[in-house]
N, C-alpha and C. Protein backbone atom coordinates (compact mmCIF):
# COMPACT_ATOMS: atom_id res chain seq x y z
N MET A 1 21.61 -3.64 0.00
CA MET A 1 21.21 -4.06 -1.34
C MET A 1 22.36 -3.83 -2.31
N SER A 2 22.72 -4.85 -3.07
CA SER A 2 23.83 -4.73 -4.01
C SER A 2 23.43 -3.88 -5.20
N LYS A 3 24.45 -3.32 -5.88
CA LYS A 3 24.20 -2.50 -7.05
C LYS A 3 23.50 -3.32 -8.13
N GLY A 4 23.90 -4.59 -8.27
CA GLY A 4 23.29 -5.45 -9.28
C GLY A 4 21.80 -5.63 -9.05
N LYS A 5 21.40 -5.81 -7.78
CA LYS A 5 19.98 -5.98 -7.47
C LYS A 5 19.21 -4.69 -7.71
N ASP A 6 19.85 -3.55 -7.41
CA ASP A 6 19.21 -2.25 -7.69
C ASP A 6 18.94 -2.11 -9.18
N LEU A 7 19.91 -2.52 -10.01
CA LEU A 7 19.74 -2.43 -11.46
C LEU A 7 18.64 -3.37 -11.93
N ASP A 8 18.56 -4.57 -11.33
CA ASP A 8 17.50 -5.51 -11.68
C ASP A 8 16.13 -4.93 -11.37
N LYS A 9 16.01 -4.26 -10.22
CA LYS A 9 14.75 -3.62 -9.83
C LYS A 9 14.34 -2.58 -10.88
N ARG A 10 15.29 -1.72 -11.22
CA ARG A 10 15.00 -0.65 -12.18
C ARG A 10 14.62 -1.22 -13.53
N ASP A 11 15.31 -2.27 -13.94
CA ASP A 11 15.05 -2.88 -15.24
C ASP A 11 13.62 -3.42 -15.28
N LEU A 12 13.20 -4.09 -14.22
CA LEU A 12 11.84 -4.62 -14.16
C LEU A 12 10.82 -3.50 -14.25
N ILE A 13 11.06 -2.42 -13.52
CA ILE A 13 10.12 -1.29 -13.48
C ILE A 13 9.99 -0.64 -14.85
N VAL A 14 11.12 -0.28 -15.47
CA VAL A 14 11.04 0.48 -16.73
C VAL A 14 10.54 -0.39 -17.88
N LYS A 15 10.86 -1.68 -17.86
CA LYS A 15 10.33 -2.57 -18.91
C LYS A 15 8.82 -2.69 -18.79
N ARG A 16 8.33 -2.77 -17.54
CA ARG A 16 6.88 -2.87 -17.35
C ARG A 16 6.19 -1.58 -17.80
N ILE A 17 6.79 -0.44 -17.50
CA ILE A 17 6.19 0.83 -17.92
C ILE A 17 6.19 0.96 -19.44
N ALA A 18 7.21 0.45 -20.09
CA ALA A 18 7.27 0.51 -21.56
C ALA A 18 6.07 -0.18 -22.19
N ARG A 19 5.49 -1.15 -21.49
CA ARG A 19 4.31 -1.84 -22.00
C ARG A 19 3.06 -0.96 -21.98
N GLU A 20 3.14 0.20 -21.32
CA GLU A 20 2.02 1.14 -21.28
C GLU A 20 2.05 2.11 -22.47
N LEU A 21 3.12 2.08 -23.24
CA LEU A 21 3.23 2.98 -24.39
C LEU A 21 2.31 2.52 -25.51
N ARG A 22 1.87 3.48 -26.33
CA ARG A 22 0.99 3.18 -27.45
C ARG A 22 1.42 3.99 -28.68
N ASP A 23 1.12 3.45 -29.85
CA ASP A 23 1.44 4.15 -31.09
C ASP A 23 0.87 5.57 -31.07
N GLY A 24 1.71 6.52 -31.47
CA GLY A 24 1.27 7.91 -31.58
C GLY A 24 1.35 8.70 -30.29
N PHE A 25 1.74 8.06 -29.18
CA PHE A 25 1.83 8.76 -27.91
C PHE A 25 2.98 9.79 -27.93
N TYR A 26 2.71 10.93 -27.31
CA TYR A 26 3.76 11.90 -26.97
C TYR A 26 4.04 11.70 -25.49
N VAL A 27 5.28 11.41 -25.15
CA VAL A 27 5.62 10.96 -23.79
C VAL A 27 6.78 11.78 -23.23
N ASN A 28 6.65 12.22 -22.00
CA ASN A 28 7.74 12.89 -21.30
C ASN A 28 8.27 11.96 -20.21
N LEU A 29 9.58 11.75 -20.22
CA LEU A 29 10.23 10.88 -19.24
C LEU A 29 11.01 11.74 -18.24
N GLY A 30 10.67 11.61 -16.97
CA GLY A 30 11.32 12.41 -15.94
C GLY A 30 12.77 12.02 -15.69
N ILE A 31 13.46 12.85 -14.93
CA ILE A 31 14.87 12.64 -14.61
C ILE A 31 15.03 11.38 -13.77
N GLY A 32 16.13 10.66 -14.00
CA GLY A 32 16.42 9.45 -13.22
C GLY A 32 15.90 8.20 -13.90
N MET A 33 15.34 7.29 -13.10
CA MET A 33 14.87 6.01 -13.61
C MET A 33 13.93 6.13 -14.83
N PRO A 34 12.98 7.07 -14.85
CA PRO A 34 12.07 7.13 -16.00
C PRO A 34 12.75 7.27 -17.35
N THR A 35 13.91 7.93 -17.40
CA THR A 35 14.58 8.10 -18.70
C THR A 35 14.97 6.76 -19.31
N LEU A 36 15.12 5.71 -18.48
CA LEU A 36 15.51 4.40 -18.99
C LEU A 36 14.41 3.75 -19.83
N VAL A 37 13.18 4.24 -19.72
CA VAL A 37 12.08 3.71 -20.54
C VAL A 37 12.39 3.88 -22.03
N ALA A 38 13.17 4.90 -22.37
CA ALA A 38 13.52 5.16 -23.77
C ALA A 38 14.23 3.97 -24.42
N ASN A 39 14.91 3.16 -23.61
CA ASN A 39 15.64 2.00 -24.14
C ASN A 39 14.74 0.80 -24.40
N HIS A 40 13.46 0.90 -24.01
CA HIS A 40 12.59 -0.27 -24.08
C HIS A 40 11.29 -0.02 -24.85
N VAL A 41 11.30 1.00 -25.70
CA VAL A 41 10.12 1.22 -26.55
C VAL A 41 9.96 0.00 -27.46
N PRO A 42 8.77 -0.62 -27.46
CA PRO A 42 8.58 -1.83 -28.28
C PRO A 42 8.94 -1.61 -29.74
N ALA A 43 9.58 -2.60 -30.34
CA ALA A 43 10.01 -2.50 -31.73
C ALA A 43 8.81 -2.23 -32.64
N GLY A 44 8.99 -1.28 -33.54
CA GLY A 44 7.94 -0.95 -34.50
C GLY A 44 6.91 0.03 -34.01
N MET A 45 6.98 0.39 -32.71
CA MET A 45 6.00 1.33 -32.16
C MET A 45 6.46 2.76 -32.40
N ASP A 46 5.55 3.61 -32.81
CA ASP A 46 5.85 5.01 -33.09
C ASP A 46 5.49 5.86 -31.88
N VAL A 47 6.47 6.07 -31.00
CA VAL A 47 6.29 6.87 -29.80
C VAL A 47 7.25 8.06 -29.87
N ILE A 48 6.75 9.25 -29.58
CA ILE A 48 7.58 10.45 -29.65
C ILE A 48 7.90 10.91 -28.24
N LEU A 49 9.18 10.87 -27.88
CA LEU A 49 9.62 11.25 -26.53
C LEU A 49 9.99 12.73 -26.50
N GLN A 50 9.46 13.43 -25.51
CA GLN A 50 9.67 14.87 -25.39
C GLN A 50 10.47 15.19 -24.14
N SER A 51 11.37 16.15 -24.25
CA SER A 51 12.14 16.62 -23.09
C SER A 51 11.87 18.09 -22.89
N GLU A 52 11.63 18.48 -21.62
CA GLU A 52 11.22 19.87 -21.39
C GLU A 52 12.31 20.89 -21.66
N ASN A 53 13.56 20.44 -21.88
CA ASN A 53 14.58 21.41 -22.25
C ASN A 53 14.56 21.72 -23.75
N GLY A 54 13.62 21.13 -24.51
CA GLY A 54 13.41 21.56 -25.88
C GLY A 54 13.75 20.57 -26.96
N MET A 55 13.38 19.30 -26.79
CA MET A 55 13.68 18.27 -27.78
C MET A 55 12.47 17.36 -27.93
N LEU A 56 12.06 17.12 -29.16
CA LEU A 56 10.96 16.23 -29.47
C LEU A 56 11.47 15.17 -30.44
N GLY A 57 11.53 13.93 -29.96
CA GLY A 57 12.08 12.86 -30.80
C GLY A 57 13.34 12.26 -30.22
N ILE A 58 13.36 12.08 -28.89
CA ILE A 58 14.52 11.49 -28.22
C ILE A 58 14.60 10.01 -28.54
N GLY A 59 15.82 9.54 -28.82
CA GLY A 59 16.05 8.12 -29.05
C GLY A 59 16.64 7.46 -27.83
N PRO A 60 17.10 6.21 -27.96
CA PRO A 60 17.73 5.51 -26.84
C PRO A 60 19.04 6.19 -26.43
N TYR A 61 19.57 5.79 -25.28
CA TYR A 61 20.88 6.29 -24.87
C TYR A 61 21.89 5.93 -25.95
N PRO A 62 22.84 6.83 -26.26
CA PRO A 62 23.81 6.54 -27.32
C PRO A 62 24.82 5.47 -26.92
N VAL A 63 25.32 4.78 -27.92
CA VAL A 63 26.39 3.80 -27.71
C VAL A 63 27.64 4.55 -27.26
N GLU A 64 28.38 3.97 -26.32
CA GLU A 64 29.59 4.62 -25.82
C GLU A 64 30.53 4.95 -26.97
N GLY A 65 30.98 6.20 -27.00
CA GLY A 65 31.87 6.65 -28.06
C GLY A 65 31.15 7.42 -29.15
N SER A 66 29.80 7.32 -29.16
CA SER A 66 29.03 8.03 -30.20
C SER A 66 28.24 9.20 -29.61
N GLU A 67 28.52 9.55 -28.36
CA GLU A 67 27.77 10.62 -27.70
C GLU A 67 28.01 11.97 -28.37
N ASP A 68 26.96 12.80 -28.38
CA ASP A 68 27.06 14.19 -28.83
C ASP A 68 26.71 15.05 -27.63
N SER A 69 27.66 15.79 -27.11
CA SER A 69 27.45 16.55 -25.88
C SER A 69 26.40 17.65 -26.04
N ASP A 70 26.02 17.97 -27.27
CA ASP A 70 24.98 18.97 -27.49
C ASP A 70 23.58 18.37 -27.41
N LEU A 71 23.49 17.06 -27.43
CA LEU A 71 22.19 16.40 -27.36
C LEU A 71 21.99 15.84 -25.96
N ILE A 72 21.21 16.54 -25.14
CA ILE A 72 21.00 16.12 -23.76
C ILE A 72 19.52 16.18 -23.40
N ASN A 73 19.14 15.35 -22.43
CA ASN A 73 17.77 15.41 -21.92
C ASN A 73 17.71 16.37 -20.73
N ALA A 74 16.55 16.44 -20.08
CA ALA A 74 16.38 17.38 -18.97
C ALA A 74 17.28 17.05 -17.78
N GLY A 75 17.77 15.81 -17.71
CA GLY A 75 18.67 15.41 -16.63
C GLY A 75 20.13 15.60 -16.98
N LYS A 76 20.40 16.30 -18.09
CA LYS A 76 21.77 16.60 -18.57
C LYS A 76 22.51 15.35 -19.02
N GLU A 77 21.77 14.28 -19.37
CA GLU A 77 22.39 13.06 -19.89
C GLU A 77 22.40 13.12 -21.41
N THR A 78 23.44 12.59 -22.01
CA THR A 78 23.48 12.57 -23.48
C THR A 78 22.47 11.56 -24.00
N VAL A 79 21.81 11.93 -25.09
CA VAL A 79 20.79 11.08 -25.71
C VAL A 79 21.04 11.01 -27.21
N SER A 80 20.30 10.14 -27.88
CA SER A 80 20.36 10.10 -29.34
C SER A 80 19.10 10.76 -29.89
N GLU A 81 19.09 10.99 -31.19
CA GLU A 81 17.92 11.59 -31.81
C GLU A 81 17.32 10.63 -32.83
N MET A 82 16.02 10.76 -33.04
CA MET A 82 15.32 9.94 -34.01
C MET A 82 15.17 10.74 -35.31
N ALA A 83 14.84 10.06 -36.40
CA ALA A 83 14.56 10.76 -37.65
C ALA A 83 13.40 11.72 -37.43
N GLY A 84 13.58 12.96 -37.83
CA GLY A 84 12.53 13.96 -37.66
C GLY A 84 12.55 14.69 -36.34
N THR A 85 13.60 14.48 -35.54
CA THR A 85 13.70 15.17 -34.25
C THR A 85 13.62 16.68 -34.43
N ALA A 86 12.89 17.35 -33.53
CA ALA A 86 12.75 18.81 -33.59
C ALA A 86 13.31 19.42 -32.31
N TYR A 87 13.85 20.62 -32.45
CA TYR A 87 14.42 21.35 -31.32
C TYR A 87 13.73 22.71 -31.20
N PHE A 88 13.56 23.18 -29.97
CA PHE A 88 12.81 24.42 -29.77
C PHE A 88 13.14 24.97 -28.38
N SER A 89 12.60 26.12 -28.06
CA SER A 89 12.88 26.75 -26.77
C SER A 89 12.12 26.06 -25.65
N SER A 90 12.58 26.26 -24.43
CA SER A 90 11.88 25.68 -23.28
C SER A 90 10.48 26.29 -23.14
N ALA A 91 10.31 27.54 -23.62
CA ALA A 91 8.98 28.16 -23.57
C ALA A 91 8.00 27.37 -24.45
N ASP A 92 8.44 26.99 -25.66
CA ASP A 92 7.59 26.18 -26.53
C ASP A 92 7.35 24.81 -25.92
N SER A 93 8.38 24.26 -25.29
CA SER A 93 8.25 22.94 -24.66
C SER A 93 7.18 22.95 -23.58
N PHE A 94 7.20 23.98 -22.75
CA PHE A 94 6.21 24.05 -21.67
C PHE A 94 4.83 24.43 -22.20
N ALA A 95 4.76 25.07 -23.35
CA ALA A 95 3.46 25.31 -23.98
C ALA A 95 2.83 23.98 -24.40
N MET A 96 3.67 23.05 -24.87
CA MET A 96 3.17 21.71 -25.20
C MET A 96 2.62 21.03 -23.95
N ILE A 97 3.40 21.11 -22.86
CA ILE A 97 3.02 20.43 -21.61
C ILE A 97 1.77 21.07 -21.01
N ARG A 98 1.77 22.38 -20.89
CA ARG A 98 0.64 23.08 -20.25
C ARG A 98 -0.60 23.05 -21.14
N GLY A 99 -0.38 22.87 -22.43
CA GLY A 99 -1.52 22.83 -23.36
C GLY A 99 -2.18 21.48 -23.44
N GLY A 100 -1.71 20.50 -22.68
CA GLY A 100 -2.33 19.19 -22.65
C GLY A 100 -1.99 18.30 -23.83
N HIS A 101 -0.81 18.53 -24.44
CA HIS A 101 -0.41 17.77 -25.61
C HIS A 101 0.46 16.56 -25.30
N ILE A 102 0.76 16.33 -24.02
CA ILE A 102 1.56 15.17 -23.62
C ILE A 102 0.61 14.07 -23.14
N ASP A 103 0.66 12.92 -23.83
CA ASP A 103 -0.24 11.82 -23.51
C ASP A 103 0.12 11.13 -22.20
N LEU A 104 1.42 11.04 -21.94
CA LEU A 104 1.88 10.27 -20.79
C LEU A 104 3.13 10.90 -20.20
N SER A 105 3.14 11.06 -18.90
CA SER A 105 4.32 11.53 -18.18
C SER A 105 4.74 10.45 -17.19
N VAL A 106 6.02 10.09 -17.23
CA VAL A 106 6.56 9.09 -16.30
C VAL A 106 7.53 9.81 -15.36
N LEU A 107 7.26 9.75 -14.06
CA LEU A 107 8.04 10.49 -13.07
C LEU A 107 8.47 9.59 -11.93
N GLY A 108 9.59 9.95 -11.31
CA GLY A 108 9.99 9.30 -10.07
C GLY A 108 9.23 9.92 -8.91
N ALA A 109 9.37 9.33 -7.72
CA ALA A 109 8.67 9.87 -6.55
C ALA A 109 9.40 9.51 -5.27
N MET A 110 9.28 10.40 -4.30
CA MET A 110 9.72 10.11 -2.94
C MET A 110 8.56 9.52 -2.15
N GLU A 111 7.36 10.04 -2.43
CA GLU A 111 6.14 9.54 -1.78
C GLU A 111 4.96 9.68 -2.73
N VAL A 112 4.04 8.71 -2.65
CA VAL A 112 2.73 8.79 -3.29
C VAL A 112 1.72 8.34 -2.24
N ASP A 113 0.52 8.93 -2.24
CA ASP A 113 -0.46 8.48 -1.25
C ASP A 113 -1.71 7.94 -1.91
N GLU A 114 -2.66 7.49 -1.06
CA GLU A 114 -3.84 6.79 -1.55
C GLU A 114 -4.78 7.68 -2.36
N LYS A 115 -4.58 9.00 -2.30
CA LYS A 115 -5.39 9.92 -3.09
C LYS A 115 -4.73 10.24 -4.44
N GLY A 116 -3.53 9.70 -4.66
CA GLY A 116 -2.82 10.02 -5.88
C GLY A 116 -2.02 11.31 -5.78
N ASN A 117 -1.83 11.80 -4.55
CA ASN A 117 -0.96 12.96 -4.34
C ASN A 117 0.49 12.53 -4.54
N LEU A 118 1.30 13.43 -5.07
CA LEU A 118 2.69 13.12 -5.41
C LEU A 118 3.65 14.09 -4.73
N ALA A 119 4.69 13.54 -4.10
CA ALA A 119 5.78 14.34 -3.54
C ALA A 119 7.07 13.82 -4.16
N ASN A 120 7.70 14.63 -5.01
CA ASN A 120 8.90 14.13 -5.69
C ASN A 120 9.98 15.17 -5.91
N TRP A 121 9.90 16.31 -5.17
CA TRP A 121 10.88 17.34 -5.52
C TRP A 121 11.78 17.80 -4.39
N MET A 122 11.42 17.59 -3.13
CA MET A 122 12.32 18.05 -2.08
C MET A 122 12.09 17.32 -0.77
N ILE A 123 13.18 17.25 0.02
CA ILE A 123 13.12 16.83 1.41
C ILE A 123 13.56 18.03 2.24
N PRO A 124 12.69 18.57 3.09
CA PRO A 124 13.04 19.76 3.87
C PRO A 124 14.38 19.60 4.58
N GLY A 125 15.21 20.63 4.48
CA GLY A 125 16.51 20.62 5.14
C GLY A 125 17.63 20.14 4.26
N LYS A 126 17.31 19.56 3.12
CA LYS A 126 18.34 19.10 2.19
C LYS A 126 18.41 20.03 1.00
N MET A 127 19.56 20.02 0.31
CA MET A 127 19.76 20.90 -0.82
C MET A 127 18.72 20.60 -1.91
N VAL A 128 18.13 21.66 -2.44
CA VAL A 128 17.11 21.51 -3.46
C VAL A 128 17.52 22.32 -4.69
N LYS A 129 17.56 21.66 -5.84
CA LYS A 129 17.90 22.37 -7.08
C LYS A 129 16.67 23.06 -7.68
N GLY A 130 15.49 22.61 -7.29
CA GLY A 130 14.26 23.19 -7.81
C GLY A 130 13.30 22.10 -8.24
N MET A 131 12.07 22.49 -8.47
CA MET A 131 11.03 21.53 -8.85
C MET A 131 11.18 21.07 -10.29
N GLY A 132 11.86 21.87 -11.12
CA GLY A 132 11.98 21.51 -12.53
C GLY A 132 10.63 21.55 -13.20
N GLY A 133 10.40 20.64 -14.14
CA GLY A 133 9.14 20.65 -14.88
C GLY A 133 8.06 19.79 -14.27
N ALA A 134 8.34 19.16 -13.13
CA ALA A 134 7.41 18.16 -12.58
C ALA A 134 6.03 18.75 -12.29
N MET A 135 5.97 19.95 -11.73
CA MET A 135 4.69 20.54 -11.37
C MET A 135 3.83 20.74 -12.62
N ASP A 136 4.45 21.20 -13.70
CA ASP A 136 3.71 21.40 -14.94
C ASP A 136 3.30 20.07 -15.57
N LEU A 137 4.19 19.09 -15.50
CA LEU A 137 3.92 17.79 -16.12
C LEU A 137 2.74 17.08 -15.47
N VAL A 138 2.69 17.09 -14.14
CA VAL A 138 1.59 16.37 -13.49
C VAL A 138 0.26 17.10 -13.67
N ALA A 139 0.33 18.40 -13.92
CA ALA A 139 -0.90 19.17 -14.13
C ALA A 139 -1.36 19.10 -15.59
N GLY A 140 -0.40 18.97 -16.52
CA GLY A 140 -0.75 19.07 -17.94
C GLY A 140 -0.85 17.76 -18.69
N ALA A 141 -0.14 16.72 -18.24
CA ALA A 141 -0.16 15.45 -18.97
C ALA A 141 -1.50 14.75 -18.79
N ARG A 142 -1.91 14.00 -19.81
CA ARG A 142 -3.19 13.31 -19.76
C ARG A 142 -3.17 12.12 -18.79
N ARG A 143 -2.00 11.54 -18.62
CA ARG A 143 -1.87 10.42 -17.69
C ARG A 143 -0.50 10.48 -17.03
N VAL A 144 -0.42 10.15 -15.75
CA VAL A 144 0.83 10.19 -14.99
C VAL A 144 1.11 8.82 -14.39
N ILE A 145 2.29 8.28 -14.71
CA ILE A 145 2.76 7.03 -14.11
C ILE A 145 3.96 7.33 -13.24
N VAL A 146 3.95 6.81 -12.02
CA VAL A 146 5.10 6.95 -11.13
C VAL A 146 5.95 5.68 -11.22
N ALA A 147 7.25 5.89 -11.44
CA ALA A 147 8.23 4.80 -11.46
C ALA A 147 9.12 4.95 -10.24
N MET A 148 9.05 4.01 -9.31
CA MET A 148 9.87 4.13 -8.10
C MET A 148 10.06 2.78 -7.44
N GLU A 149 11.08 2.68 -6.59
CA GLU A 149 11.23 1.50 -5.76
C GLU A 149 10.17 1.55 -4.66
N HIS A 150 9.71 0.39 -4.25
CA HIS A 150 8.53 0.31 -3.39
C HIS A 150 8.77 0.90 -2.00
N THR A 151 9.99 0.77 -1.49
CA THR A 151 10.32 1.29 -0.16
C THR A 151 11.61 2.10 -0.22
N THR A 152 11.91 2.81 0.87
CA THR A 152 13.17 3.53 0.98
C THR A 152 14.30 2.52 1.20
N LYS A 153 15.52 3.01 1.18
CA LYS A 153 16.68 2.12 1.37
C LYS A 153 16.64 1.42 2.74
N ASP A 154 16.00 2.06 3.73
CA ASP A 154 15.91 1.42 5.06
C ASP A 154 14.57 0.73 5.27
N GLY A 155 13.86 0.45 4.17
CA GLY A 155 12.66 -0.37 4.24
C GLY A 155 11.37 0.32 4.61
N LYS A 156 11.37 1.66 4.67
CA LYS A 156 10.15 2.37 5.03
C LYS A 156 9.24 2.53 3.81
N ALA A 157 7.95 2.52 4.06
CA ALA A 157 6.98 2.64 2.97
C ALA A 157 7.07 3.99 2.27
N LYS A 158 6.88 3.97 0.96
CA LYS A 158 6.82 5.20 0.16
C LYS A 158 5.42 5.43 -0.40
N ILE A 159 4.57 4.39 -0.32
CA ILE A 159 3.17 4.51 -0.72
C ILE A 159 2.37 4.63 0.56
N LEU A 160 1.89 5.83 0.82
CA LEU A 160 1.38 6.20 2.15
C LEU A 160 -0.11 6.50 2.16
N LYS A 161 -0.67 6.59 3.38
CA LYS A 161 -2.04 7.07 3.53
C LYS A 161 -2.11 8.54 3.17
N LYS A 162 -1.06 9.28 3.57
CA LYS A 162 -1.00 10.71 3.25
C LYS A 162 0.46 11.12 3.15
N CYS A 163 0.80 11.82 2.09
CA CYS A 163 2.19 12.26 1.90
C CYS A 163 2.61 13.18 3.05
N THR A 164 3.88 13.05 3.44
CA THR A 164 4.42 13.90 4.51
C THR A 164 5.34 14.98 3.96
N LEU A 165 5.84 14.81 2.74
CA LEU A 165 6.75 15.77 2.12
C LEU A 165 5.96 16.80 1.32
N PRO A 166 6.60 17.94 0.99
CA PRO A 166 5.92 18.96 0.17
C PRO A 166 5.43 18.36 -1.15
N LEU A 167 4.20 18.67 -1.52
CA LEU A 167 3.59 18.06 -2.70
C LEU A 167 4.04 18.72 -4.00
N THR A 168 4.12 17.89 -5.02
CA THR A 168 4.34 18.36 -6.38
C THR A 168 3.00 18.58 -7.05
N GLY A 169 2.05 17.69 -6.78
CA GLY A 169 0.72 17.80 -7.36
C GLY A 169 -0.30 17.08 -6.50
N VAL A 170 -1.55 17.52 -6.57
CA VAL A 170 -2.64 16.96 -5.77
C VAL A 170 -3.53 16.08 -6.66
N GLN A 171 -3.70 14.82 -6.27
CA GLN A 171 -4.55 13.86 -6.98
C GLN A 171 -4.21 13.82 -8.48
N VAL A 172 -2.93 13.59 -8.76
CA VAL A 172 -2.46 13.62 -10.14
C VAL A 172 -1.97 12.27 -10.66
N VAL A 173 -1.66 11.34 -9.76
CA VAL A 173 -1.07 10.06 -10.16
C VAL A 173 -2.17 9.08 -10.59
N ASN A 174 -1.97 8.43 -11.72
CA ASN A 174 -2.91 7.42 -12.21
C ASN A 174 -2.45 5.99 -11.89
N THR A 175 -1.14 5.76 -12.05
CA THR A 175 -0.60 4.41 -11.91
C THR A 175 0.74 4.46 -11.20
N ILE A 176 1.00 3.49 -10.33
CA ILE A 176 2.30 3.36 -9.64
C ILE A 176 2.90 2.03 -10.07
N VAL A 177 4.15 2.07 -10.54
CA VAL A 177 4.85 0.85 -10.91
C VAL A 177 6.13 0.76 -10.08
N THR A 178 6.25 -0.32 -9.29
CA THR A 178 7.45 -0.57 -8.50
C THR A 178 7.99 -1.94 -8.87
N GLU A 179 9.09 -2.33 -8.20
CA GLU A 179 9.63 -3.67 -8.45
C GLU A 179 8.76 -4.76 -7.82
N MET A 180 7.77 -4.35 -7.01
CA MET A 180 6.90 -5.32 -6.34
C MET A 180 5.53 -5.44 -6.99
N ALA A 181 5.06 -4.34 -7.60
CA ALA A 181 3.66 -4.34 -8.02
C ALA A 181 3.32 -3.25 -9.01
N VAL A 182 2.14 -3.41 -9.63
CA VAL A 182 1.49 -2.36 -10.41
C VAL A 182 0.21 -2.02 -9.68
N ILE A 183 0.05 -0.75 -9.33
CA ILE A 183 -1.08 -0.28 -8.51
C ILE A 183 -1.79 0.86 -9.24
N GLN A 184 -3.10 0.75 -9.34
CA GLN A 184 -3.89 1.82 -9.94
C GLN A 184 -4.48 2.71 -8.85
N VAL A 185 -4.49 4.02 -9.11
CA VAL A 185 -5.12 4.96 -8.20
C VAL A 185 -6.54 5.20 -8.68
N THR A 186 -7.52 4.90 -7.83
CA THR A 186 -8.92 5.07 -8.20
C THR A 186 -9.61 5.99 -7.20
N ALA A 187 -10.84 6.37 -7.52
CA ALA A 187 -11.60 7.24 -6.62
C ALA A 187 -11.85 6.59 -5.27
N SER A 188 -11.84 5.27 -5.23
CA SER A 188 -12.09 4.56 -3.97
C SER A 188 -10.82 4.05 -3.31
N GLY A 189 -9.65 4.44 -3.82
CA GLY A 189 -8.40 4.04 -3.21
C GLY A 189 -7.46 3.33 -4.17
N LEU A 190 -6.46 2.68 -3.61
CA LEU A 190 -5.43 2.01 -4.41
C LEU A 190 -5.83 0.56 -4.69
N VAL A 191 -5.68 0.18 -5.96
CA VAL A 191 -6.04 -1.17 -6.38
C VAL A 191 -4.80 -1.91 -6.87
N LEU A 192 -4.52 -3.03 -6.24
CA LEU A 192 -3.38 -3.87 -6.61
C LEU A 192 -3.78 -4.70 -7.83
N GLU A 193 -3.10 -4.47 -8.96
CA GLU A 193 -3.47 -5.14 -10.20
C GLU A 193 -2.48 -6.22 -10.63
N GLU A 194 -1.19 -6.00 -10.30
CA GLU A 194 -0.17 -6.97 -10.68
C GLU A 194 0.84 -7.11 -9.55
N ILE A 195 1.36 -8.32 -9.38
CA ILE A 195 2.38 -8.59 -8.36
C ILE A 195 3.59 -9.22 -9.02
N ALA A 196 4.77 -8.81 -8.59
CA ALA A 196 6.02 -9.36 -9.14
C ALA A 196 6.11 -10.86 -8.86
N PRO A 197 6.74 -11.61 -9.75
CA PRO A 197 6.88 -13.05 -9.56
C PRO A 197 7.49 -13.38 -8.20
N GLY A 198 6.94 -14.40 -7.52
CA GLY A 198 7.49 -14.84 -6.24
C GLY A 198 6.94 -14.13 -5.03
N LEU A 199 6.10 -13.09 -5.25
CA LEU A 199 5.52 -12.35 -4.14
C LEU A 199 4.04 -12.65 -4.01
N THR A 200 3.48 -12.33 -2.83
CA THR A 200 2.04 -12.45 -2.60
C THR A 200 1.47 -11.07 -2.33
N LYS A 201 0.14 -10.99 -2.34
CA LYS A 201 -0.50 -9.70 -2.04
C LYS A 201 -0.17 -9.25 -0.62
N ASP A 202 0.02 -10.20 0.29
CA ASP A 202 0.37 -9.84 1.67
C ASP A 202 1.78 -9.26 1.73
N ASP A 203 2.70 -9.76 0.91
CA ASP A 203 4.05 -9.19 0.85
C ASP A 203 3.99 -7.72 0.45
N VAL A 204 3.18 -7.44 -0.56
CA VAL A 204 3.06 -6.07 -1.06
C VAL A 204 2.41 -5.18 0.00
N GLN A 205 1.36 -5.66 0.64
CA GLN A 205 0.68 -4.85 1.66
C GLN A 205 1.59 -4.55 2.84
N ARG A 206 2.43 -5.50 3.24
CA ARG A 206 3.34 -5.27 4.37
C ARG A 206 4.32 -4.14 4.07
N SER A 207 4.63 -3.91 2.81
CA SER A 207 5.57 -2.86 2.43
C SER A 207 4.86 -1.57 2.01
N THR A 208 3.55 -1.52 2.23
CA THR A 208 2.72 -0.39 1.81
C THR A 208 1.91 0.12 2.99
N GLU A 209 2.03 1.41 3.32
CA GLU A 209 1.25 1.95 4.43
C GLU A 209 -0.22 2.08 4.07
N ALA A 210 -0.51 2.56 2.86
CA ALA A 210 -1.90 2.72 2.44
C ALA A 210 -2.54 1.36 2.23
N ALA A 211 -3.86 1.29 2.47
CA ALA A 211 -4.58 0.04 2.25
C ALA A 211 -4.71 -0.24 0.76
N LEU A 212 -4.55 -1.51 0.38
CA LEU A 212 -4.66 -1.92 -1.01
C LEU A 212 -5.89 -2.80 -1.20
N SER A 213 -6.72 -2.45 -2.17
CA SER A 213 -7.77 -3.36 -2.60
C SER A 213 -7.17 -4.26 -3.67
N VAL A 214 -7.63 -5.49 -3.73
CA VAL A 214 -7.07 -6.44 -4.71
C VAL A 214 -8.01 -6.58 -5.90
N SER A 215 -7.49 -6.35 -7.07
CA SER A 215 -8.28 -6.48 -8.29
C SER A 215 -8.76 -7.92 -8.46
N PRO A 216 -9.99 -8.11 -8.92
CA PRO A 216 -10.46 -9.48 -9.20
C PRO A 216 -9.69 -10.13 -10.34
N ASN A 217 -8.98 -9.28 -11.10
CA ASN A 217 -8.18 -9.78 -12.23
C ASN A 217 -6.69 -9.73 -11.91
N LEU A 218 -6.34 -9.84 -10.63
CA LEU A 218 -4.95 -9.79 -10.20
C LEU A 218 -4.10 -10.79 -10.98
N LYS A 219 -2.95 -10.34 -11.47
CA LYS A 219 -2.09 -11.23 -12.24
C LYS A 219 -0.63 -10.98 -11.91
N THR A 220 0.23 -11.83 -12.44
CA THR A 220 1.67 -11.70 -12.23
C THR A 220 2.22 -10.59 -13.12
N MET A 221 3.08 -9.78 -12.55
CA MET A 221 3.69 -8.66 -13.27
C MET A 221 4.68 -9.16 -14.31
N GLU A 222 4.55 -8.64 -15.52
CA GLU A 222 5.46 -9.02 -16.60
C GLU A 222 6.25 -7.81 -17.04
N SER A 223 7.49 -8.05 -17.45
CA SER A 223 8.30 -6.94 -17.97
C SER A 223 8.17 -6.90 -19.49
């Protein structure tokens, strides 16, 4: 897969997730692809982005040459600030998260299963920096969206009947957004709600280990 196609995939995913934002939402964007959602907040919408390292009011990525090395997100990337941005300790940040004050958390994943279990922090035998804030975010946020590519680089399914990697959280995922589809996690299983242009429900199912029910309102995925 070329780098350009990888970027196209990510762009489709984060633009689609940005459509889930609502006025007044407090939102935490996880390390990696989820941070790109900050560049696609709909114009005129009042969304407050929170970073667990102690920043409330994150703006889009800064223009090259205007970076401030003191302004970073949880992934150590430079960010911009919005009017009214507040700074505080990580203890206060996690009090916000654990206290249920985050409306939406967007996280990457290595695996998600049909129960909404999430594995996104380690592969046994490989170097692990730590779980970071993911465990707290999936437990404390009111809604959790997973942003990920639909399969691994070698084409293996990442949406499984049961996760095989160590879990970050149990039955915590509400929605999965990939470059192929938008899938809702329900009490009766995974429901396919949107499909990327040019694909069919059978294409999505072939790349998904878990069984997918098809929504009666199935539609084409829009960014």
